[in-house]
Protein backbone atom coordinates (compact mmCIF):
# COMPACT_ATOMS: atom_id res chain seq x y z
CA ILE A 1 -266.04 51.81 -57.43
CA GLN A 2 -265.53 48.27 -56.22
CA ALA A 3 -267.12 49.34 -52.94
CA GLY A 4 -270.37 50.28 -54.68
CA ALA A 5 -269.68 53.97 -55.20
CA SER A 6 -270.00 53.95 -58.98
CA SER A 7 -272.96 56.34 -58.82
CA VAL A 8 -270.75 59.07 -57.31
CA VAL A 9 -267.25 58.20 -58.58
CA GLU A 10 -266.33 58.37 -62.24
CA PRO A 11 -262.75 57.48 -63.17
CA ILE A 12 -261.29 59.57 -65.96
CA PRO A 13 -258.39 57.79 -67.67
CA ALA A 14 -256.46 60.95 -68.57
CA PRO A 15 -253.62 63.07 -67.21
CA ALA A 16 -254.73 65.39 -64.40
CA ASN A 17 -254.42 68.58 -66.46
CA ILE A 18 -256.63 67.21 -69.24
CA ALA A 19 -259.15 65.71 -66.82
CA SER A 20 -259.53 69.03 -64.97
CA LYS A 21 -260.33 70.80 -68.26
CA LEU A 22 -262.91 68.17 -69.16
CA LEU A 23 -264.53 68.45 -65.73
CA ALA A 24 -264.53 72.26 -65.90
CA HIS A 25 -266.19 72.08 -69.32
CA LEU A 26 -268.90 69.76 -68.01
CA LEU A 27 -269.41 71.98 -64.97
CA ASP A 28 -269.79 75.06 -67.19
CA ARG A 29 -272.43 73.23 -69.22
CA GLU A 30 -274.20 72.26 -65.98
CA GLU A 31 -273.72 68.59 -66.81
CA LEU A 32 -271.78 68.03 -63.62
CA PRO A 33 -272.26 69.21 -60.03
CA THR A 34 -269.42 70.78 -58.07
CA ALA A 35 -267.34 68.37 -56.01
CA ASP A 36 -267.71 68.09 -52.25
CA LEU A 37 -264.34 66.39 -51.90
CA ILE A 38 -261.21 66.54 -54.04
CA PHE A 39 -258.13 64.46 -53.27
CA ILE A 40 -254.81 65.49 -54.82
CA ASP A 41 -252.20 62.74 -55.17
CA GLY A 42 -250.03 63.22 -58.21
CA ASN A 43 -246.51 64.20 -59.03
CA HIS A 44 -244.50 65.60 -56.12
CA ASP A 45 -242.96 68.40 -58.15
CA TYR A 46 -243.93 71.92 -57.03
CA ASP A 47 -245.14 73.06 -60.45
CA ASP A 48 -247.29 69.96 -60.97
CA VAL A 49 -248.86 70.14 -57.50
CA ARG A 50 -249.47 73.86 -57.91
CA ALA A 51 -251.17 73.23 -61.25
CA ASP A 52 -253.32 70.40 -59.84
CA ILE A 53 -254.51 72.56 -56.95
CA ARG A 54 -255.23 75.56 -59.17
CA ASN A 55 -256.98 73.45 -61.81
CA TYR A 56 -259.20 71.52 -59.43
CA PHE A 57 -260.02 74.15 -56.80
CA PRO A 58 -262.63 75.90 -59.03
CA LEU A 59 -264.46 72.55 -59.30
CA LEU A 60 -264.96 72.42 -55.52
CA SER A 61 -268.33 73.26 -53.97
CA PRO A 62 -268.38 76.28 -51.61
CA ASN A 63 -268.31 74.02 -48.55
CA GLY A 64 -266.18 71.33 -50.17
CA LEU A 65 -262.82 70.08 -48.95
CA MET A 66 -259.57 69.67 -50.81
CA PHE A 67 -256.95 67.41 -49.35
CA GLY A 68 -253.99 65.40 -50.52
CA ASP A 69 -251.10 63.10 -49.85
CA ASP A 70 -247.31 63.27 -49.72
CA PHE A 71 -247.06 66.42 -47.59
CA GLY A 72 -243.53 65.43 -46.63
CA TRP A 73 -242.30 66.33 -50.12
CA ALA A 74 -240.93 69.88 -50.31
CA GLY A 75 -242.70 70.65 -53.60
CA VAL A 76 -246.05 69.50 -52.27
CA LYS A 77 -245.69 71.46 -49.04
CA LYS A 78 -244.64 74.65 -50.83
CA ALA A 79 -247.52 74.49 -53.35
CA VAL A 80 -250.12 73.76 -50.66
CA TYR A 81 -248.99 76.51 -48.28
CA GLU A 82 -248.65 79.02 -51.11
CA PHE A 83 -252.17 78.38 -52.41
CA ALA A 84 -253.65 78.45 -48.91
CA LEU A 85 -251.97 81.77 -48.16
CA GLU A 86 -253.21 83.30 -51.43
CA HIS A 87 -256.77 82.24 -50.61
CA ASN A 88 -256.76 83.07 -46.88
CA MET A 89 -257.03 79.42 -45.92
CA SER A 90 -255.31 77.30 -43.31
CA VAL A 91 -253.51 73.99 -43.76
CA ILE A 92 -253.63 71.14 -41.32
CA SER A 93 -251.52 68.04 -41.64
CA PRO A 94 -252.52 65.27 -39.25
CA GLY A 95 -249.56 62.95 -38.94
CA GLY A 96 -247.48 64.97 -41.42
CA ARG A 97 -248.25 62.82 -44.46
CA THR A 98 -251.62 64.16 -45.61
CA TRP A 99 -252.84 67.74 -45.84
CA LEU A 100 -256.18 69.48 -45.72
CA MET A 101 -256.98 73.07 -46.65
CA ILE A 102 -259.69 74.75 -44.61
């Protein structure tokens, strides 16, 4: 936002699970477009990462990208690979710290 992106970035001061529900509600009401890019960087616990990915993936545009941080954490890696496998996607991890599902 400080870089002048306030027209495309809207911070939501809420926990990730509540924010995803709010965004899904706005998307359903056609008050919000789908996202072209979603970055996941939250708790490193498997269940939390799994929930973040599952909650935010439906908000992604058909050609959008989901990526995240902390791929070195076992819980993050397990949740990412599991979701990718379930959705016939691949995971790349340039440098081993970040991940991208394609």
